[in-house]
Amino acid sequence: MKVRIRRLPAARDLPLPSPASPGSAGFDLRAAVEGEVVLRPGERLLVPTGIVLEIPPGWEGQVRPRSGLALRHGLGIVNAPGTIDSDYRGEVGVILINLGETPFSLKRGDRIAQL
């Protein structure tokens, strides 16, 4: 199976999704936000990734949380795992929620989820 990844103009300076190490099960998704965004405790935010996936029919993509963000900052994905249907051709977004007790600062290029 091959998945085509298209980078949107707003993410031209960000790396394409890739595994963090040779043994990684997922590909890191990065925040395509402008500047810095603060996510307060209890707040949800749809974070753009700047990519579009072309998934073959009969397959799906799944967006999963990063365990380090959950443990250290209480950050999760509201609809985990998020499903990307094979016929969806819009920008992949990640709905983050801050379940922690302190505000979380999100910067452009931060790794926010796994594909």
N, C-alpha and C. Protein backbone atom coordinates (compact mmCIF):
# COMPACT_ATOMS: atom_id res chain seq x y z
N MET A 1 0.85 -1.18 0.00
CA MET A 1 0.00 0.00 0.00
C MET A 1 0.89 1.24 0.00
N LYS A 2 0.51 2.21 -0.81
CA LYS A 2 1.22 3.48 -0.85
C LYS A 2 0.23 4.59 -0.54
N VAL A 3 0.67 5.52 0.31
CA VAL A 3 -0.12 6.69 0.65
C VAL A 3 0.63 7.91 0.14
N ARG A 4 -0.04 8.68 -0.69
CA ARG A 4 0.58 9.92 -1.19
C ARG A 4 0.34 11.01 -0.16
N ILE A 5 1.41 11.75 0.16
CA ILE A 5 1.33 12.86 1.10
C ILE A 5 1.61 14.15 0.33
N ARG A 6 0.68 15.08 0.44
CA ARG A 6 0.85 16.37 -0.23
C ARG A 6 0.98 17.46 0.84
N ARG A 7 2.02 18.25 0.73
CA ARG A 7 2.25 19.35 1.67
C ARG A 7 1.54 20.60 1.16
N LEU A 8 0.78 21.24 2.02
CA LEU A 8 0.10 22.48 1.66
C LEU A 8 1.07 23.66 1.75
N PRO A 9 0.81 24.75 1.03
CA PRO A 9 1.72 25.89 1.05
C PRO A 9 2.01 26.43 2.45
N ALA A 10 1.04 26.38 3.35
CA ALA A 10 1.24 26.89 4.70
C ALA A 10 2.23 26.06 5.51
N ALA A 11 2.60 24.88 5.00
CA ALA A 11 3.52 24.00 5.73
C ALA A 11 4.79 23.73 4.94
N ARG A 12 5.10 24.58 3.98
CA ARG A 12 6.25 24.31 3.10
C ARG A 12 7.57 24.23 3.85
N ASP A 13 7.66 24.85 5.02
CA ASP A 13 8.91 24.82 5.80
C ASP A 13 8.95 23.67 6.81
N LEU A 14 7.87 22.91 6.92
CA LEU A 14 7.81 21.81 7.90
C LEU A 14 8.16 20.48 7.24
N PRO A 15 8.80 19.59 7.99
CA PRO A 15 9.10 18.27 7.42
C PRO A 15 7.83 17.44 7.21
N LEU A 16 7.87 16.57 6.22
CA LEU A 16 6.76 15.64 6.02
C LEU A 16 6.72 14.64 7.17
N PRO A 17 5.56 14.01 7.42
CA PRO A 17 5.49 13.01 8.49
C PRO A 17 6.55 11.93 8.29
N SER A 18 7.21 11.58 9.38
CA SER A 18 8.26 10.57 9.32
C SER A 18 8.39 9.91 10.68
N PRO A 19 8.94 8.69 10.73
CA PRO A 19 9.16 8.03 12.02
C PRO A 19 10.31 8.71 12.76
N ALA A 20 10.20 8.77 14.09
CA ALA A 20 11.24 9.40 14.90
C ALA A 20 12.49 8.52 14.99
N SER A 21 12.32 7.21 14.85
CA SER A 21 13.45 6.28 14.93
C SER A 21 13.14 5.08 14.03
N PRO A 22 14.14 4.24 13.75
CA PRO A 22 13.90 3.08 12.89
C PRO A 22 12.82 2.13 13.41
N GLY A 23 12.64 2.06 14.72
CA GLY A 23 11.64 1.16 15.29
C GLY A 23 10.29 1.80 15.56
N SER A 24 10.11 3.05 15.18
CA SER A 24 8.84 3.74 15.44
C SER A 24 7.70 3.12 14.65
N ALA A 25 6.57 2.92 15.32
CA ALA A 25 5.39 2.36 14.66
C ALA A 25 4.62 3.43 13.89
N GLY A 26 4.72 4.68 14.32
CA GLY A 26 3.96 5.75 13.69
C GLY A 26 4.84 6.81 13.08
N PHE A 27 4.22 7.66 12.28
CA PHE A 27 4.88 8.81 11.67
C PHE A 27 4.43 10.05 12.42
N ASP A 28 5.37 10.90 12.81
CA ASP A 28 5.04 12.10 13.57
C ASP A 28 4.32 13.14 12.72
N LEU A 29 3.24 13.68 13.28
CA LEU A 29 2.53 14.81 12.67
C LEU A 29 2.94 16.07 13.42
N ARG A 30 3.14 17.15 12.70
CA ARG A 30 3.60 18.40 13.30
C ARG A 30 2.55 19.50 13.20
N ALA A 31 2.62 20.43 14.14
CA ALA A 31 1.68 21.55 14.18
C ALA A 31 2.05 22.58 13.13
N ALA A 32 1.10 22.91 12.26
CA ALA A 32 1.31 23.94 11.24
C ALA A 32 0.65 25.24 11.67
N VAL A 33 0.85 25.60 12.94
CA VAL A 33 0.28 26.84 13.48
C VAL A 33 1.24 27.98 13.17
N GLU A 34 0.71 29.19 13.15
CA GLU A 34 1.54 30.37 12.98
C GLU A 34 1.94 30.86 14.36
N GLY A 35 3.22 30.98 14.60
CA GLY A 35 3.68 31.48 15.88
C GLY A 35 3.45 30.50 17.00
N GLU A 36 2.93 31.00 18.11
CA GLU A 36 2.70 30.20 19.30
C GLU A 36 1.22 30.25 19.68
N VAL A 37 0.68 29.10 20.10
CA VAL A 37 -0.71 29.01 20.52
C VAL A 37 -0.71 28.42 21.93
N VAL A 38 -1.49 29.01 22.82
CA VAL A 38 -1.57 28.51 24.19
C VAL A 38 -2.89 27.79 24.38
N LEU A 39 -2.79 26.57 24.85
CA LEU A 39 -3.96 25.73 25.12
C LEU A 39 -4.13 25.68 26.64
N ARG A 40 -5.19 26.31 27.12
CA ARG A 40 -5.43 26.37 28.57
C ARG A 40 -6.07 25.07 29.07
N PRO A 41 -5.97 24.80 30.36
CA PRO A 41 -6.59 23.58 30.91
C PRO A 41 -8.07 23.49 30.53
N GLY A 42 -8.47 22.31 30.05
CA GLY A 42 -9.85 22.08 29.65
C GLY A 42 -10.18 22.53 28.24
N GLU A 43 -9.28 23.22 27.58
CA GLU A 43 -9.53 23.78 26.25
C GLU A 43 -9.22 22.75 25.15
N ARG A 44 -10.01 22.83 24.07
CA ARG A 44 -9.80 22.00 22.87
C ARG A 44 -9.39 22.91 21.73
N LEU A 45 -8.61 22.33 20.81
CA LEU A 45 -8.16 23.11 19.66
C LEU A 45 -7.94 22.19 18.47
N LEU A 46 -8.46 22.58 17.31
CA LEU A 46 -8.18 21.86 16.07
C LEU A 46 -6.86 22.41 15.52
N VAL A 47 -5.84 21.57 15.54
CA VAL A 47 -4.50 21.99 15.13
C VAL A 47 -4.25 21.52 13.69
N PRO A 48 -3.95 22.44 12.78
CA PRO A 48 -3.67 22.04 11.40
C PRO A 48 -2.30 21.37 11.30
N THR A 49 -2.17 20.46 10.34
CA THR A 49 -0.88 19.79 10.12
C THR A 49 -0.22 20.21 8.81
N GLY A 50 -0.99 20.84 7.94
CA GLY A 50 -0.43 21.29 6.67
C GLY A 50 -0.24 20.19 5.64
N ILE A 51 -0.87 19.03 5.86
CA ILE A 51 -0.74 17.94 4.90
C ILE A 51 -2.09 17.39 4.49
N VAL A 52 -2.11 16.82 3.30
CA VAL A 52 -3.27 16.11 2.76
C VAL A 52 -2.79 14.71 2.42
N LEU A 53 -3.57 13.69 2.80
CA LEU A 53 -3.23 12.30 2.51
C LEU A 53 -4.13 11.76 1.42
N GLU A 54 -3.57 10.94 0.55
CA GLU A 54 -4.36 10.22 -0.44
C GLU A 54 -4.23 8.74 -0.10
N ILE A 55 -5.19 8.25 0.67
CA ILE A 55 -5.20 6.87 1.16
C ILE A 55 -5.96 6.01 0.16
N PRO A 56 -5.41 4.85 -0.21
CA PRO A 56 -6.09 3.98 -1.18
C PRO A 56 -7.44 3.48 -0.66
N PRO A 57 -8.40 3.23 -1.56
CA PRO A 57 -9.70 2.67 -1.16
C PRO A 57 -9.50 1.37 -0.37
N GLY A 58 -10.35 1.20 0.64
CA GLY A 58 -10.29 0.01 1.47
C GLY A 58 -9.36 0.15 2.66
N TRP A 59 -8.67 1.27 2.77
CA TRP A 59 -7.76 1.52 3.89
C TRP A 59 -8.21 2.77 4.64
N GLU A 60 -7.66 2.98 5.80
CA GLU A 60 -7.90 4.19 6.58
C GLU A 60 -6.61 4.62 7.24
N GLY A 61 -6.54 5.89 7.60
CA GLY A 61 -5.44 6.39 8.41
C GLY A 61 -5.94 6.60 9.82
N GLN A 62 -5.06 6.45 10.79
CA GLN A 62 -5.43 6.69 12.19
C GLN A 62 -4.48 7.70 12.80
N VAL A 63 -5.05 8.68 13.50
CA VAL A 63 -4.27 9.68 14.22
C VAL A 63 -4.32 9.31 15.69
N ARG A 64 -3.14 9.11 16.26
CA ARG A 64 -3.04 8.66 17.65
C ARG A 64 -2.26 9.67 18.49
N PRO A 65 -2.53 9.68 19.80
CA PRO A 65 -1.80 10.60 20.68
C PRO A 65 -0.33 10.21 20.83
N ARG A 66 0.46 11.16 21.23
CA ARG A 66 1.86 10.90 21.61
C ARG A 66 1.88 10.69 23.12
N SER A 67 2.41 9.57 23.55
CA SER A 67 2.37 9.22 24.97
C SER A 67 3.14 10.21 25.83
N GLY A 68 4.23 10.75 25.32
CA GLY A 68 5.01 11.72 26.09
C GLY A 68 4.24 12.99 26.39
N LEU A 69 3.47 13.48 25.41
CA LEU A 69 2.65 14.68 25.64
C LEU A 69 1.56 14.40 26.67
N ALA A 70 1.00 13.20 26.61
CA ALA A 70 -0.05 12.84 27.57
C ALA A 70 0.52 12.76 28.99
N LEU A 71 1.66 12.12 29.14
CA LEU A 71 2.25 11.93 30.46
C LEU A 71 2.76 13.24 31.05
N ARG A 72 3.53 13.99 30.27
CA ARG A 72 4.17 15.19 30.81
C ARG A 72 3.26 16.41 30.88
N HIS A 73 2.28 16.51 29.96
CA HIS A 73 1.49 17.74 29.88
C HIS A 73 -0.02 17.53 29.95
N GLY A 74 -0.47 16.29 29.99
CA GLY A 74 -1.91 16.03 30.03
C GLY A 74 -2.60 16.30 28.71
N LEU A 75 -1.85 16.30 27.61
CA LEU A 75 -2.43 16.56 26.30
C LEU A 75 -2.93 15.27 25.67
N GLY A 76 -4.14 15.31 25.13
CA GLY A 76 -4.72 14.15 24.48
C GLY A 76 -5.41 14.55 23.20
N ILE A 77 -5.89 13.54 22.49
CA ILE A 77 -6.67 13.75 21.28
C ILE A 77 -8.11 13.38 21.60
N VAL A 78 -9.02 14.30 21.37
CA VAL A 78 -10.41 14.13 21.78
C VAL A 78 -11.03 12.87 21.20
N ASN A 79 -10.84 12.60 19.93
CA ASN A 79 -11.48 11.47 19.27
C ASN A 79 -10.49 10.35 18.96
N ALA A 80 -9.58 10.09 19.87
CA ALA A 80 -8.51 9.10 19.62
C ALA A 80 -9.05 7.68 19.56
N PRO A 81 -8.60 6.88 18.60
CA PRO A 81 -7.83 7.36 17.46
C PRO A 81 -8.73 8.04 16.44
N GLY A 82 -8.25 9.12 15.89
CA GLY A 82 -8.99 9.81 14.84
C GLY A 82 -8.87 9.03 13.54
N THR A 83 -9.95 8.96 12.79
CA THR A 83 -9.97 8.21 11.54
C THR A 83 -9.87 9.15 10.35
N ILE A 84 -9.01 8.80 9.39
CA ILE A 84 -8.93 9.52 8.13
C ILE A 84 -9.42 8.56 7.06
N ASP A 85 -10.59 8.83 6.52
CA ASP A 85 -11.20 7.96 5.50
C ASP A 85 -10.42 8.03 4.19
N SER A 86 -10.52 6.96 3.41
CA SER A 86 -9.77 6.90 2.15
C SER A 86 -10.23 7.94 1.13
N ASP A 87 -11.46 8.43 1.25
CA ASP A 87 -11.94 9.43 0.29
C ASP A 87 -11.81 10.87 0.80
N TYR A 88 -11.23 11.06 1.99
CA TYR A 88 -11.05 12.41 2.53
C TYR A 88 -9.82 13.04 1.89
N ARG A 89 -9.98 14.23 1.33
CA ARG A 89 -8.87 14.91 0.67
C ARG A 89 -8.62 16.31 1.23
N GLY A 90 -9.10 16.56 2.43
CA GLY A 90 -8.84 17.83 3.08
C GLY A 90 -7.60 17.76 3.95
N GLU A 91 -7.27 18.89 4.55
CA GLU A 91 -6.11 18.95 5.45
C GLU A 91 -6.35 18.09 6.68
N VAL A 92 -5.34 17.34 7.06
CA VAL A 92 -5.42 16.54 8.29
C VAL A 92 -5.30 17.50 9.47
N GLY A 93 -6.24 17.39 10.40
CA GLY A 93 -6.21 18.19 11.61
C GLY A 93 -6.23 17.28 12.83
N VAL A 94 -5.71 17.78 13.93
CA VAL A 94 -5.65 17.01 15.18
C VAL A 94 -6.39 17.82 16.25
N ILE A 95 -7.43 17.21 16.85
CA ILE A 95 -8.19 17.90 17.90
C ILE A 95 -7.53 17.60 19.24
N LEU A 96 -6.72 18.55 19.71
CA LEU A 96 -6.03 18.38 20.98
C LEU A 96 -6.89 18.91 22.12
N ILE A 97 -6.74 18.30 23.29
CA ILE A 97 -7.38 18.78 24.51
C ILE A 97 -6.34 18.80 25.61
N ASN A 98 -6.36 19.86 26.40
CA ASN A 98 -5.45 19.97 27.54
C ASN A 98 -6.17 19.48 28.78
N LEU A 99 -5.84 18.27 29.21
CA LEU A 99 -6.41 17.69 30.43
C LEU A 99 -5.53 17.95 31.64
N GLY A 100 -4.45 18.68 31.43
CA GLY A 100 -3.53 19.01 32.52
C GLY A 100 -4.03 20.17 33.35
N GLU A 101 -3.18 20.60 34.27
CA GLU A 101 -3.55 21.68 35.20
C GLU A 101 -2.91 23.00 34.85
N THR A 102 -2.03 23.01 33.85
CA THR A 102 -1.35 24.24 33.47
C THR A 102 -1.50 24.47 31.96
N PRO A 103 -1.40 25.72 31.53
CA PRO A 103 -1.47 26.01 30.10
C PRO A 103 -0.33 25.31 29.35
N PHE A 104 -0.60 24.92 28.11
CA PHE A 104 0.41 24.28 27.28
C PHE A 104 0.68 25.17 26.08
N SER A 105 1.95 25.46 25.84
CA SER A 105 2.36 26.30 24.72
C SER A 105 2.72 25.43 23.52
N LEU A 106 2.01 25.65 22.43
CA LEU A 106 2.20 24.89 21.20
C LEU A 106 2.87 25.79 20.18
N LYS A 107 3.97 25.31 19.60
CA LYS A 107 4.72 26.11 18.63
C LYS A 107 4.73 25.43 17.26
N ARG A 108 4.96 26.22 16.26
CA ARG A 108 5.04 25.71 14.89
C ARG A 108 6.10 24.61 14.81
N GLY A 109 5.72 23.49 14.20
CA GLY A 109 6.65 22.39 14.02
C GLY A 109 6.69 21.39 15.16
N ASP A 110 5.99 21.68 16.27
CA ASP A 110 5.95 20.73 17.39
C ASP A 110 5.31 19.43 16.93
N ARG A 111 5.84 18.30 17.40
CA ARG A 111 5.23 17.00 17.12
C ARG A 111 4.01 16.86 18.02
N ILE A 112 2.83 16.67 17.42
CA ILE A 112 1.59 16.69 18.20
C ILE A 112 0.84 15.37 18.21
N ALA A 113 1.12 14.49 17.26
CA ALA A 113 0.39 13.23 17.17
C ALA A 113 1.18 12.27 16.29
N GLN A 114 0.65 11.05 16.16
CA GLN A 114 1.27 10.05 15.29
C GLN A 114 0.24 9.55 14.29
N LEU A 115 0.72 9.24 13.11
CA LEU A 115 -0.12 8.71 12.04
C LEU A 115 0.17 7.23 11.90
